Amino acid sequence: MTILDTSVNGYTALPAGKIAAAVVYLEQRERPAPRPDPAIEGVRLERLGAADLDRYLALFALVGEPWLWFGRRIMARQTLAGILADPAVEALAVVREGRDIGLVELDGRGRGERGEEEIELAYFGLVPEAVGGGLGRWAMNRALERAWARGPHRVFVHTCNFDHPQALAFYVRSGFVPYARAVEIADDPRLTGHLPRSAGPHVPLIEP
């Protein structure tokens, strides 16, 4: 996370073709009490590795396009394959009746200021039709079980105003505490061809 000059206030115009997201960072410094699991049957997690690159990208698109996820879409395939092959990274498909309906990704490659292991919940989401009914809570419980079993110093995540409108409240209910804000500025991936122009319809598409 890059810290901006704290003296900067007011409005800042963006160049044509750019988007800006208001980001909130959240963390857990200790394992929270698990929320009660809903009655979810026929759902499991499957690990995705470098050999599953196409499957991963398809799932990333299914889950993330409505919310303008683009981080993995602009990445070189070889770079992404290396991430999925890293033993510190757990990319997991949420599978129901043989169909991928969600993505959970834990990234333990980072270290804190004193070299402590930190685990980022890098990606977490369900396909739109799977949202509701407690499946998100079930998946979060499984994600936190896996993360805290590794004995990290902390677990952290970030969300932004482009994400699902209930995302921030969901993370807080799951035991995460907000600790920082940032603004992320990037090329609009719908204009660079990395996402379809129909992605993220709640974020206005402004032509250069």
N, C-alpha and C. Protein backbone atom coordinates (compact mmCIF):
# COMPACT_ATOMS: atom_id res chain seq x y z
N MET A 1 0.85 -1.19 0.00
CA MET A 1 0.00 0.00 0.00
C MET A 1 0.88 1.23 0.00
N THR A 2 0.67 2.13 -0.93
CA THR A 2 1.41 3.38 -1.00
C THR A 2 0.63 4.46 -0.27
N ILE A 3 1.28 5.14 0.66
CA ILE A 3 0.62 6.18 1.44
C ILE A 3 0.72 7.50 0.69
N LEU A 4 -0.40 8.16 0.47
CA LEU A 4 -0.42 9.44 -0.21
C LEU A 4 -0.07 10.56 0.75
N ASP A 5 0.33 11.69 0.21
CA ASP A 5 0.62 12.89 0.99
C ASP A 5 -0.63 13.26 1.78
N THR A 6 -0.49 13.31 3.11
CA THR A 6 -1.65 13.58 3.96
C THR A 6 -2.13 15.01 3.86
N SER A 7 -1.36 15.89 3.23
CA SER A 7 -1.79 17.27 3.09
C SER A 7 -2.73 17.47 1.90
N VAL A 8 -2.92 16.41 1.09
CA VAL A 8 -3.75 16.52 -0.10
C VAL A 8 -5.22 16.40 0.29
N ASN A 9 -5.98 17.45 0.07
CA ASN A 9 -7.41 17.46 0.34
C ASN A 9 -8.14 17.95 -0.91
N GLY A 10 -9.45 17.77 -0.90
CA GLY A 10 -10.25 18.28 -2.01
C GLY A 10 -10.36 17.29 -3.16
N TYR A 11 -10.85 17.78 -4.28
CA TYR A 11 -11.09 16.94 -5.45
C TYR A 11 -9.86 16.90 -6.34
N THR A 12 -9.63 15.74 -6.94
CA THR A 12 -8.53 15.56 -7.89
C THR A 12 -9.10 14.99 -9.18
N ALA A 13 -8.90 15.70 -10.26
CA ALA A 13 -9.40 15.23 -11.55
C ALA A 13 -8.56 14.06 -12.05
N LEU A 14 -9.21 13.06 -12.64
CA LEU A 14 -8.51 11.92 -13.20
C LEU A 14 -8.32 12.09 -14.70
N PRO A 15 -7.18 11.66 -15.22
CA PRO A 15 -7.01 11.67 -16.68
C PRO A 15 -8.04 10.75 -17.34
N ALA A 16 -8.33 11.01 -18.58
CA ALA A 16 -9.27 10.17 -19.32
C ALA A 16 -8.78 8.73 -19.33
N GLY A 17 -9.72 7.80 -19.16
CA GLY A 17 -9.38 6.37 -19.19
C GLY A 17 -8.95 5.80 -17.87
N LYS A 18 -8.96 6.60 -16.80
CA LYS A 18 -8.57 6.12 -15.48
C LYS A 18 -9.80 5.90 -14.61
N ILE A 19 -9.67 4.99 -13.63
CA ILE A 19 -10.69 4.80 -12.60
C ILE A 19 -10.02 4.96 -11.24
N ALA A 20 -10.81 5.32 -10.24
CA ALA A 20 -10.28 5.48 -8.88
C ALA A 20 -11.23 4.80 -7.91
N ALA A 21 -10.69 3.93 -7.08
CA ALA A 21 -11.49 3.21 -6.09
C ALA A 21 -11.09 3.64 -4.68
N ALA A 22 -12.08 3.84 -3.82
CA ALA A 22 -11.84 4.13 -2.41
C ALA A 22 -11.71 2.80 -1.68
N VAL A 23 -10.52 2.52 -1.15
CA VAL A 23 -10.17 1.22 -0.59
C VAL A 23 -10.17 1.28 0.93
N VAL A 24 -10.66 0.23 1.56
CA VAL A 24 -10.59 0.07 3.02
C VAL A 24 -9.81 -1.21 3.32
N TYR A 25 -8.80 -1.11 4.17
CA TYR A 25 -8.02 -2.26 4.62
C TYR A 25 -8.52 -2.70 5.99
N LEU A 26 -8.64 -4.03 6.15
CA LEU A 26 -9.12 -4.60 7.41
C LEU A 26 -8.19 -5.72 7.84
N GLU A 27 -8.16 -5.99 9.14
CA GLU A 27 -7.27 -7.02 9.64
C GLU A 27 -7.86 -7.74 10.84
N GLN A 28 -7.29 -8.92 11.11
CA GLN A 28 -7.51 -9.66 12.35
C GLN A 28 -6.15 -9.89 12.99
N ARG A 29 -6.00 -9.49 14.23
CA ARG A 29 -4.75 -9.71 14.95
C ARG A 29 -4.80 -10.98 15.79
N GLU A 30 -5.98 -11.53 15.94
CA GLU A 30 -6.14 -12.83 16.60
C GLU A 30 -7.35 -13.51 15.99
N ARG A 31 -7.37 -14.82 16.13
CA ARG A 31 -8.44 -15.59 15.50
C ARG A 31 -9.78 -15.26 16.17
N PRO A 32 -10.78 -14.86 15.39
CA PRO A 32 -12.08 -14.54 15.98
C PRO A 32 -12.86 -15.81 16.29
N ALA A 33 -13.85 -15.66 17.15
CA ALA A 33 -14.76 -16.78 17.39
C ALA A 33 -15.51 -17.08 16.09
N PRO A 34 -15.58 -18.34 15.68
CA PRO A 34 -16.25 -18.64 14.41
C PRO A 34 -17.74 -18.32 14.48
N ARG A 35 -18.26 -17.82 13.40
CA ARG A 35 -19.69 -17.60 13.31
C ARG A 35 -20.37 -18.94 13.05
N PRO A 36 -21.58 -19.14 13.55
CA PRO A 36 -22.25 -20.43 13.35
C PRO A 36 -22.36 -20.78 11.87
N ASP A 37 -22.01 -22.00 11.54
CA ASP A 37 -22.10 -22.45 10.16
C ASP A 37 -23.55 -22.70 9.78
N PRO A 38 -23.97 -22.21 8.62
CA PRO A 38 -25.31 -22.54 8.14
C PRO A 38 -25.33 -23.99 7.64
N ALA A 39 -26.51 -24.49 7.40
CA ALA A 39 -26.65 -25.87 6.91
C ALA A 39 -26.37 -25.89 5.41
N ILE A 40 -25.11 -26.10 5.06
CA ILE A 40 -24.69 -26.13 3.66
C ILE A 40 -24.28 -27.56 3.33
N GLU A 41 -24.89 -28.13 2.33
CA GLU A 41 -24.56 -29.50 1.92
C GLU A 41 -24.09 -29.51 0.47
N GLY A 42 -23.26 -30.49 0.17
CA GLY A 42 -22.81 -30.68 -1.20
C GLY A 42 -21.85 -29.64 -1.70
N VAL A 43 -21.17 -28.94 -0.79
CA VAL A 43 -20.21 -27.90 -1.17
C VAL A 43 -18.85 -28.28 -0.62
N ARG A 44 -17.82 -28.05 -1.40
CA ARG A 44 -16.45 -28.35 -0.95
C ARG A 44 -15.49 -27.33 -1.54
N LEU A 45 -14.27 -27.34 -1.03
CA LEU A 45 -13.20 -26.50 -1.56
C LEU A 45 -12.22 -27.39 -2.33
N GLU A 46 -11.77 -26.91 -3.49
CA GLU A 46 -10.77 -27.62 -4.28
C GLU A 46 -9.59 -26.70 -4.55
N ARG A 47 -8.39 -27.18 -4.25
CA ARG A 47 -7.17 -26.39 -4.46
C ARG A 47 -6.90 -26.23 -5.96
N LEU A 48 -6.53 -25.03 -6.35
CA LEU A 48 -6.18 -24.73 -7.73
C LEU A 48 -4.70 -24.41 -7.81
N GLY A 49 -3.98 -25.11 -8.68
CA GLY A 49 -2.56 -24.87 -8.86
C GLY A 49 -2.26 -24.33 -10.24
N ALA A 50 -0.98 -24.29 -10.58
CA ALA A 50 -0.57 -23.74 -11.86
C ALA A 50 -1.20 -24.49 -13.03
N ALA A 51 -1.42 -25.78 -12.88
CA ALA A 51 -2.04 -26.56 -13.95
C ALA A 51 -3.50 -26.20 -14.17
N ASP A 52 -4.09 -25.49 -13.22
CA ASP A 52 -5.50 -25.11 -13.29
C ASP A 52 -5.67 -23.65 -13.72
N LEU A 53 -4.69 -23.10 -14.40
CA LEU A 53 -4.68 -21.67 -14.72
C LEU A 53 -5.95 -21.24 -15.46
N ASP A 54 -6.35 -21.97 -16.48
CA ASP A 54 -7.54 -21.58 -17.25
C ASP A 54 -8.80 -21.66 -16.38
N ARG A 55 -8.88 -22.69 -15.58
CA ARG A 55 -10.02 -22.80 -14.67
C ARG A 55 -10.04 -21.65 -13.68
N TYR A 56 -8.88 -21.30 -13.15
CA TYR A 56 -8.79 -20.18 -12.22
C TYR A 56 -9.25 -18.88 -12.87
N LEU A 57 -8.77 -18.61 -14.07
CA LEU A 57 -9.12 -17.37 -14.75
C LEU A 57 -10.61 -17.32 -15.08
N ALA A 58 -11.18 -18.46 -15.46
CA ALA A 58 -12.62 -18.50 -15.75
C ALA A 58 -13.42 -18.20 -14.48
N LEU A 59 -12.99 -18.77 -13.36
CA LEU A 59 -13.69 -18.53 -12.09
C LEU A 59 -13.50 -17.09 -11.64
N PHE A 60 -12.29 -16.57 -11.79
CA PHE A 60 -12.02 -15.18 -11.44
C PHE A 60 -12.96 -14.24 -12.20
N ALA A 61 -13.18 -14.56 -13.48
CA ALA A 61 -14.08 -13.74 -14.29
C ALA A 61 -15.53 -13.87 -13.83
N LEU A 62 -15.97 -15.09 -13.56
CA LEU A 62 -17.35 -15.30 -13.13
C LEU A 62 -17.66 -14.56 -11.84
N VAL A 63 -16.73 -14.63 -10.90
CA VAL A 63 -16.93 -13.99 -9.60
C VAL A 63 -16.71 -12.48 -9.68
N GLY A 64 -15.68 -12.06 -10.40
CA GLY A 64 -15.21 -10.70 -10.28
C GLY A 64 -15.70 -9.69 -11.30
N GLU A 65 -16.15 -10.13 -12.47
CA GLU A 65 -16.53 -9.15 -13.48
C GLU A 65 -17.62 -8.18 -13.02
N PRO A 66 -18.64 -8.65 -12.27
CA PRO A 66 -19.66 -7.69 -11.83
C PRO A 66 -19.09 -6.57 -10.96
N TRP A 67 -17.93 -6.84 -10.31
CA TRP A 67 -17.35 -5.88 -9.36
C TRP A 67 -16.04 -5.28 -9.87
N LEU A 68 -15.78 -5.46 -11.14
CA LEU A 68 -14.62 -4.86 -11.80
C LEU A 68 -13.30 -5.39 -11.24
N TRP A 69 -13.24 -6.66 -10.88
CA TRP A 69 -11.96 -7.26 -10.51
C TRP A 69 -11.09 -7.35 -11.76
N PHE A 70 -9.88 -6.86 -11.67
CA PHE A 70 -9.01 -6.91 -12.84
C PHE A 70 -7.58 -7.31 -12.53
N GLY A 71 -7.21 -7.41 -11.23
CA GLY A 71 -5.82 -7.65 -10.88
C GLY A 71 -5.19 -8.85 -11.56
N ARG A 72 -5.90 -9.96 -11.61
CA ARG A 72 -5.36 -11.16 -12.24
C ARG A 72 -5.53 -11.14 -13.76
N ARG A 73 -6.45 -10.34 -14.27
CA ARG A 73 -6.72 -10.31 -15.70
C ARG A 73 -5.64 -9.53 -16.46
N ILE A 74 -4.97 -8.60 -15.79
CA ILE A 74 -3.94 -7.82 -16.47
C ILE A 74 -2.56 -8.44 -16.28
N MET A 75 -2.49 -9.54 -15.55
CA MET A 75 -1.22 -10.18 -15.22
C MET A 75 -0.81 -11.17 -16.30
N ALA A 76 0.47 -11.25 -16.57
CA ALA A 76 0.97 -12.24 -17.53
C ALA A 76 0.66 -13.65 -17.03
N ARG A 77 0.29 -14.53 -17.92
CA ARG A 77 -0.08 -15.90 -17.54
C ARG A 77 1.06 -16.59 -16.78
N GLN A 78 2.28 -16.40 -17.23
CA GLN A 78 3.41 -17.05 -16.57
C GLN A 78 3.57 -16.56 -15.14
N THR A 79 3.36 -15.26 -14.93
CA THR A 79 3.45 -14.70 -13.58
C THR A 79 2.36 -15.27 -12.69
N LEU A 80 1.14 -15.33 -13.20
CA LEU A 80 0.03 -15.87 -12.42
C LEU A 80 0.24 -17.35 -12.12
N ALA A 81 0.73 -18.10 -13.08
CA ALA A 81 1.00 -19.52 -12.85
C ALA A 81 2.02 -19.70 -11.73
N GLY A 82 3.01 -18.81 -11.68
CA GLY A 82 4.00 -18.87 -10.62
C GLY A 82 3.39 -18.61 -9.25
N ILE A 83 2.44 -17.70 -9.19
CA ILE A 83 1.75 -17.42 -7.93
C ILE A 83 0.95 -18.63 -7.48
N LEU A 84 0.21 -19.24 -8.41
CA LEU A 84 -0.61 -20.39 -8.05
C LEU A 84 0.25 -21.59 -7.65
N ALA A 85 1.48 -21.65 -8.14
CA ALA A 85 2.38 -22.75 -7.79
C ALA A 85 3.10 -22.53 -6.48
N ASP A 86 3.05 -21.31 -5.96
CA ASP A 86 3.79 -20.99 -4.73
C ASP A 86 3.13 -21.72 -3.54
N PRO A 87 3.90 -22.43 -2.73
CA PRO A 87 3.29 -23.15 -1.58
C PRO A 87 2.69 -22.23 -0.53
N ALA A 88 3.05 -20.96 -0.54
CA ALA A 88 2.49 -20.02 0.42
C ALA A 88 1.13 -19.49 -0.01
N VAL A 89 0.71 -19.85 -1.22
CA VAL A 89 -0.57 -19.37 -1.77
C VAL A 89 -1.54 -20.53 -1.85
N GLU A 90 -2.75 -20.31 -1.36
CA GLU A 90 -3.83 -21.30 -1.49
C GLU A 90 -4.96 -20.66 -2.27
N ALA A 91 -5.10 -21.04 -3.53
CA ALA A 91 -6.25 -20.62 -4.32
C ALA A 91 -7.24 -21.78 -4.32
N LEU A 92 -8.45 -21.50 -3.91
CA LEU A 92 -9.44 -22.55 -3.68
C LEU A 92 -10.73 -22.23 -4.41
N ALA A 93 -11.23 -23.18 -5.17
CA ALA A 93 -12.54 -23.05 -5.80
C ALA A 93 -13.60 -23.57 -4.84
N VAL A 94 -14.66 -22.81 -4.69
CA VAL A 94 -15.84 -23.30 -3.96
C VAL A 94 -16.68 -24.05 -5.00
N VAL A 95 -16.89 -25.34 -4.76
CA VAL A 95 -17.54 -26.20 -5.76
C VAL A 95 -18.84 -26.76 -5.19
N ARG A 96 -19.89 -26.65 -5.98
CA ARG A 96 -21.18 -27.24 -5.61
C ARG A 96 -21.72 -28.02 -6.79
N GLU A 97 -21.97 -29.32 -6.56
CA GLU A 97 -22.50 -30.20 -7.60
C GLU A 97 -21.66 -30.12 -8.87
N GLY A 98 -20.35 -30.12 -8.70
CA GLY A 98 -19.45 -30.14 -9.83
C GLY A 98 -19.23 -28.80 -10.52
N ARG A 99 -19.80 -27.73 -10.00
CA ARG A 99 -19.69 -26.42 -10.63
C ARG A 99 -18.94 -25.46 -9.72
N ASP A 100 -18.01 -24.70 -10.28
CA ASP A 100 -17.28 -23.69 -9.52
C ASP A 100 -18.19 -22.49 -9.29
N ILE A 101 -18.40 -22.15 -8.01
CA ILE A 101 -19.31 -21.05 -7.70
C ILE A 101 -18.67 -19.99 -6.82
N GLY A 102 -17.40 -20.16 -6.46
CA GLY A 102 -16.77 -19.16 -5.61
C GLY A 102 -15.27 -19.31 -5.62
N LEU A 103 -14.60 -18.27 -5.17
CA LEU A 103 -13.14 -18.25 -5.12
C LEU A 103 -12.67 -17.74 -3.77
N VAL A 104 -11.74 -18.48 -3.17
CA VAL A 104 -11.08 -18.08 -1.93
C VAL A 104 -9.58 -18.16 -2.19
N GLU A 105 -8.87 -17.08 -1.94
CA GLU A 105 -7.42 -17.10 -2.18
C GLU A 105 -6.69 -16.52 -0.98
N LEU A 106 -5.82 -17.34 -0.39
CA LEU A 106 -4.99 -16.94 0.75
C LEU A 106 -3.56 -16.80 0.28
N ASP A 107 -2.96 -15.66 0.58
CA ASP A 107 -1.59 -15.38 0.13
C ASP A 107 -0.70 -15.12 1.35
N GLY A 108 0.18 -16.07 1.63
CA GLY A 108 1.07 -15.95 2.78
C GLY A 108 2.49 -15.58 2.42
N ARG A 109 2.71 -14.98 1.26
CA ARG A 109 4.07 -14.64 0.84
C ARG A 109 4.62 -13.41 1.54
N GLY A 110 3.72 -12.55 2.06
CA GLY A 110 4.17 -11.30 2.66
C GLY A 110 4.68 -11.48 4.08
N ARG A 111 5.40 -10.48 4.54
CA ARG A 111 5.93 -10.45 5.90
C ARG A 111 5.66 -9.10 6.52
N GLY A 112 5.46 -9.08 7.84
CA GLY A 112 5.23 -7.84 8.56
C GLY A 112 6.53 -7.08 8.76
N GLU A 113 6.44 -5.98 9.49
CA GLU A 113 7.60 -5.11 9.70
C GLU A 113 8.73 -5.83 10.42
N ARG A 114 8.41 -6.79 11.25
CA ARG A 114 9.44 -7.53 11.99
C ARG A 114 9.69 -8.92 11.38
N GLY A 115 9.21 -9.13 10.18
CA GLY A 115 9.42 -10.40 9.51
C GLY A 115 8.40 -11.46 9.85
N GLU A 116 7.32 -11.10 10.55
CA GLU A 116 6.30 -12.07 10.92
C GLU A 116 5.48 -12.47 9.69
N GLU A 117 5.02 -13.71 9.71
CA GLU A 117 4.17 -14.16 8.62
C GLU A 117 2.81 -13.46 8.69
N GLU A 118 2.38 -12.97 7.56
CA GLU A 118 1.05 -12.39 7.42
C GLU A 118 0.33 -13.12 6.30
N ILE A 119 -0.94 -13.27 6.43
CA ILE A 119 -1.72 -13.92 5.37
C ILE A 119 -2.78 -12.95 4.89
N GLU A 120 -2.76 -12.70 3.60
CA GLU A 120 -3.76 -11.85 2.99
C GLU A 120 -4.88 -12.70 2.40
N LEU A 121 -6.09 -12.35 2.72
CA LEU A 121 -7.24 -12.91 2.01
C LEU A 121 -7.33 -12.12 0.71
N ALA A 122 -6.57 -12.57 -0.29
CA ALA A 122 -6.36 -11.79 -1.50
C ALA A 122 -7.62 -11.65 -2.34
N TYR A 123 -8.38 -12.74 -2.43
CA TYR A 123 -9.64 -12.71 -3.17
C TYR A 123 -10.66 -13.57 -2.44
N PHE A 124 -11.88 -13.09 -2.42
CA PHE A 124 -12.97 -13.84 -1.78
C PHE A 124 -14.27 -13.40 -2.45
N GLY A 125 -14.99 -14.34 -3.00
CA GLY A 125 -16.26 -13.98 -3.61
C GLY A 125 -16.99 -15.18 -4.17
N LEU A 126 -18.27 -14.99 -4.43
CA LEU A 126 -19.14 -16.00 -5.00
C LEU A 126 -19.72 -15.49 -6.31
N VAL A 127 -20.11 -16.42 -7.18
CA VAL A 127 -20.83 -16.00 -8.38
C VAL A 127 -22.15 -15.37 -7.93
N PRO A 128 -22.71 -14.44 -8.69
CA PRO A 128 -23.89 -13.70 -8.23
C PRO A 128 -25.05 -14.57 -7.77
N GLU A 129 -25.31 -15.67 -8.47
CA GLU A 129 -26.47 -16.49 -8.12
C GLU A 129 -26.25 -17.30 -6.84
N ALA A 130 -25.02 -17.37 -6.34
CA ALA A 130 -24.73 -18.12 -5.12
C ALA A 130 -24.74 -17.24 -3.87
N VAL A 131 -24.85 -15.93 -4.07
CA VAL A 131 -24.84 -15.00 -2.93
C VAL A 131 -26.16 -15.13 -2.17
N GLY A 132 -26.05 -15.18 -0.84
CA GLY A 132 -27.24 -15.36 -0.01
C GLY A 132 -27.37 -16.81 0.43
N GLY A 133 -28.11 -17.04 1.46
CA GLY A 133 -28.33 -18.40 1.94
C GLY A 133 -27.23 -18.94 2.83
N GLY A 134 -26.25 -18.10 3.16
CA GLY A 134 -25.22 -18.50 4.12
C GLY A 134 -23.97 -19.10 3.52
N LEU A 135 -23.91 -19.22 2.19
CA LEU A 135 -22.74 -19.84 1.58
C LEU A 135 -21.48 -18.98 1.78
N GLY A 136 -21.64 -17.65 1.76
CA GLY A 136 -20.49 -16.78 2.01
C GLY A 136 -19.92 -16.97 3.40
N ARG A 137 -20.81 -17.12 4.39
CA ARG A 137 -20.35 -17.32 5.77
C ARG A 137 -19.65 -18.67 5.89
N TRP A 138 -20.18 -19.70 5.24
CA TRP A 138 -19.54 -21.01 5.25
C TRP A 138 -18.14 -20.92 4.65
N ALA A 139 -18.02 -20.25 3.50
CA ALA A 139 -16.72 -20.14 2.84
C ALA A 139 -15.74 -19.31 3.67
N MET A 140 -16.22 -18.26 4.32
CA MET A 140 -15.34 -17.46 5.16
C MET A 140 -14.85 -18.25 6.36
N ASN A 141 -15.72 -19.04 6.97
CA ASN A 141 -15.29 -19.87 8.09
C ASN A 141 -14.17 -20.82 7.66
N ARG A 142 -14.32 -21.42 6.48
CA ARG A 142 -13.28 -22.33 5.98
C ARG A 142 -11.99 -21.56 5.68
N ALA A 143 -12.12 -20.37 5.12
CA ALA A 143 -10.93 -19.57 4.80
C ALA A 143 -10.17 -19.20 6.06
N LEU A 144 -10.89 -18.77 7.10
CA LEU A 144 -10.22 -18.37 8.35
C LEU A 144 -9.63 -19.57 9.08
N GLU A 145 -10.30 -20.70 9.01
CA GLU A 145 -9.73 -21.91 9.61
C GLU A 145 -8.37 -22.21 8.98
N ARG A 146 -8.30 -22.15 7.65
CA ARG A 146 -7.05 -22.45 6.95
C ARG A 146 -5.99 -21.39 7.25
N ALA A 147 -6.39 -20.14 7.25
CA ALA A 147 -5.43 -19.07 7.47
C ALA A 147 -4.82 -19.14 8.87
N TRP A 148 -5.66 -19.24 9.89
CA TRP A 148 -5.15 -19.20 11.26
C TRP A 148 -4.45 -20.49 11.65
N ALA A 149 -4.74 -21.58 10.95
CA ALA A 149 -4.03 -22.83 11.22
C ALA A 149 -2.55 -22.71 10.89
N ARG A 150 -2.18 -21.73 10.09
CA ARG A 150 -0.78 -21.51 9.71
C ARG A 150 -0.04 -20.64 10.73
N GLY A 151 -0.73 -20.18 11.76
CA GLY A 151 -0.09 -19.43 12.84
C GLY A 151 0.45 -18.08 12.45
N PRO A 152 -0.28 -17.28 11.65
CA PRO A 152 0.25 -15.99 11.22
C PRO A 152 0.19 -14.94 12.32
N HIS A 153 0.93 -13.85 12.11
CA HIS A 153 0.86 -12.70 13.00
C HIS A 153 -0.49 -12.00 12.85
N ARG A 154 -0.99 -11.97 11.64
CA ARG A 154 -2.30 -11.37 11.38
C ARG A 154 -2.82 -11.90 10.05
N VAL A 155 -4.13 -11.71 9.83
CA VAL A 155 -4.80 -11.99 8.57
C VAL A 155 -5.44 -10.68 8.13
N PHE A 156 -5.27 -10.31 6.87
CA PHE A 156 -5.82 -9.03 6.43
C PHE A 156 -6.46 -9.15 5.06
N VAL A 157 -7.26 -8.14 4.72
CA VAL A 157 -8.03 -8.13 3.49
C VAL A 157 -8.29 -6.68 3.13
N HIS A 158 -8.65 -6.43 1.88
CA HIS A 158 -9.11 -5.09 1.54
C HIS A 158 -10.31 -5.20 0.62
N THR A 159 -11.12 -4.17 0.66
CA THR A 159 -12.29 -4.07 -0.22
C THR A 159 -12.38 -2.63 -0.68
N CYS A 160 -13.30 -2.36 -1.60
CA CYS A 160 -13.41 -1.00 -2.12
C CYS A 160 -14.85 -0.72 -2.52
N ASN A 161 -15.10 0.52 -2.92
CA ASN A 161 -16.46 0.91 -3.27
C ASN A 161 -16.93 0.33 -4.60
N PHE A 162 -16.03 -0.32 -5.35
CA PHE A 162 -16.46 -1.02 -6.56
C PHE A 162 -17.02 -2.41 -6.23
N ASP A 163 -16.74 -2.91 -5.04
CA ASP A 163 -17.11 -4.28 -4.66
C ASP A 163 -18.59 -4.36 -4.30
N HIS A 164 -19.02 -5.58 -3.97
CA HIS A 164 -20.42 -5.79 -3.55
C HIS A 164 -20.74 -4.82 -2.42
N PRO A 165 -21.90 -4.18 -2.43
CA PRO A 165 -22.22 -3.17 -1.41
C PRO A 165 -22.25 -3.72 0.01
N GLN A 166 -22.38 -5.04 0.18
CA GLN A 166 -22.39 -5.63 1.52
C GLN A 166 -21.02 -6.18 1.92
N ALA A 167 -20.01 -6.04 1.06
CA ALA A 167 -18.71 -6.66 1.33
C ALA A 167 -18.09 -6.15 2.62
N LEU A 168 -18.04 -4.84 2.80
CA LEU A 168 -17.39 -4.28 3.98
C LEU A 168 -18.07 -4.75 5.26
N ALA A 169 -19.40 -4.69 5.30
CA ALA A 169 -20.12 -5.13 6.49
C ALA A 169 -19.91 -6.62 6.74
N PHE A 170 -19.83 -7.41 5.67
CA PHE A 170 -19.60 -8.85 5.81
C PHE A 170 -18.24 -9.11 6.46
N TYR A 171 -17.21 -8.40 6.01
CA TYR A 171 -15.88 -8.60 6.60
C TYR A 171 -15.87 -8.19 8.07
N VAL A 172 -16.55 -7.12 8.40
CA VAL A 172 -16.60 -6.70 9.81
C VAL A 172 -17.33 -7.75 10.64
N ARG A 173 -18.44 -8.29 10.15
CA ARG A 173 -19.15 -9.35 10.87
C ARG A 173 -18.28 -10.59 11.02
N SER A 174 -17.36 -10.78 10.10
CA SER A 174 -16.49 -11.95 10.13
C SER A 174 -15.29 -11.76 11.05
N GLY A 175 -15.20 -10.61 11.71
CA GLY A 175 -14.15 -10.39 12.69
C GLY A 175 -13.00 -9.51 12.24
N PHE A 176 -13.09 -8.93 11.05
CA PHE A 176 -12.05 -8.02 10.58
C PHE A 176 -12.31 -6.61 11.10
N VAL A 177 -11.22 -5.88 11.36
CA VAL A 177 -11.30 -4.52 11.89
C VAL A 177 -10.65 -3.57 10.89
N PRO A 178 -11.35 -2.52 10.45
CA PRO A 178 -10.73 -1.56 9.53
C PRO A 178 -9.54 -0.85 10.19
N TYR A 179 -8.47 -0.64 9.41
CA TYR A 179 -7.30 0.04 9.98
C TYR A 179 -6.68 1.08 9.05
N ALA A 180 -7.06 1.13 7.78
CA ALA A 180 -6.47 2.10 6.87
C ALA A 180 -7.35 2.28 5.66
N ARG A 181 -7.16 3.43 4.99
CA ARG A 181 -7.85 3.72 3.74
C ARG A 181 -6.82 4.12 2.68
N ALA A 182 -7.19 3.97 1.43
CA ALA A 182 -6.34 4.39 0.33
C ALA A 182 -7.21 4.65 -0.89
N VAL A 183 -6.64 5.28 -1.88
CA VAL A 183 -7.29 5.46 -3.18
C VAL A 183 -6.43 4.74 -4.21
N GLU A 184 -7.04 3.82 -4.95
CA GLU A 184 -6.34 3.11 -6.01
C GLU A 184 -6.75 3.69 -7.36
N ILE A 185 -5.76 4.14 -8.11
CA ILE A 185 -5.99 4.68 -9.44
C ILE A 185 -5.39 3.72 -10.46
N ALA A 186 -6.15 3.41 -11.49
CA ALA A 186 -5.68 2.44 -12.49
C ALA A 186 -6.30 2.76 -13.84
N ASP A 187 -5.70 2.20 -14.90
CA ASP A 187 -6.33 2.26 -16.21
C ASP A 187 -7.64 1.48 -16.16
N ASP A 188 -8.68 2.01 -16.75
CA ASP A 188 -9.96 1.30 -16.78
C ASP A 188 -9.78 0.02 -17.60
N PRO A 189 -9.89 -1.17 -16.98
CA PRO A 189 -9.64 -2.42 -17.70
C PRO A 189 -10.64 -2.70 -18.80
N ARG A 190 -11.76 -2.02 -18.79
CA ARG A 190 -12.75 -2.19 -19.86
C ARG A 190 -12.32 -1.45 -21.13
N LEU A 191 -11.47 -0.46 -20.96
CA LEU A 191 -10.96 0.29 -22.10
C LEU A 191 -9.66 -0.28 -22.63
N THR A 192 -8.95 -1.04 -21.78
CA THR A 192 -7.71 -1.67 -22.24
C THR A 192 -7.96 -3.03 -22.87
N GLY A 193 -9.21 -3.52 -22.77
CA GLY A 193 -9.54 -4.82 -23.35
C GLY A 193 -9.36 -5.99 -22.41
N HIS A 194 -9.01 -5.73 -21.15
CA HIS A 194 -8.82 -6.82 -20.19
C HIS A 194 -10.14 -7.31 -19.60
N LEU A 195 -11.16 -6.47 -19.63
CA LEU A 195 -12.50 -6.83 -19.18
C LEU A 195 -13.49 -6.40 -20.25
N PRO A 196 -14.62 -7.11 -20.36
CA PRO A 196 -15.65 -6.65 -21.31
C PRO A 196 -16.21 -5.30 -20.89
N ARG A 197 -16.69 -4.57 -21.84
CA ARG A 197 -17.23 -3.23 -21.55
C ARG A 197 -18.45 -3.30 -20.65
N SER A 198 -19.09 -4.46 -20.58
CA SER A 198 -20.28 -4.63 -19.74
C SER A 198 -19.94 -4.90 -18.27
N ALA A 199 -18.66 -5.11 -17.94
CA ALA A 199 -18.27 -5.43 -16.56
C ALA A 199 -18.48 -4.21 -15.66
N GLY A 200 -18.76 -4.49 -14.39
CA GLY A 200 -18.90 -3.42 -13.41
C GLY A 200 -19.84 -2.31 -13.85
N PRO A 201 -21.10 -2.64 -14.18
CA PRO A 201 -22.00 -1.61 -14.70
C PRO A 201 -22.29 -0.47 -13.72
N HIS A 202 -22.00 -0.69 -12.42
CA HIS A 202 -22.23 0.37 -11.43
C HIS A 202 -21.10 1.40 -11.43
N VAL A 203 -20.02 1.14 -12.18
CA VAL A 203 -18.91 2.08 -12.30
C VAL A 203 -19.01 2.70 -13.69
N PRO A 204 -19.31 3.99 -13.79
CA PRO A 204 -19.52 4.60 -15.12
C PRO A 204 -18.30 4.40 -16.03
N LEU A 205 -18.56 4.06 -17.25
CA LEU A 205 -17.52 3.93 -18.27
C LEU A 205 -17.42 5.27 -18.99
N ILE A 206 -16.28 5.92 -18.83
CA ILE A 206 -16.08 7.25 -19.43
C ILE A 206 -15.01 7.13 -20.49
N GLU A 207 -15.38 7.37 -21.72
CA GLU A 207 -14.46 7.25 -22.84
C GLU A 207 -13.40 8.34 -22.79
N PRO A 208 -12.16 8.02 -23.20
CA PRO A 208 -11.13 9.07 -23.28
C PRO A 208 -11.51 10.15 -24.29
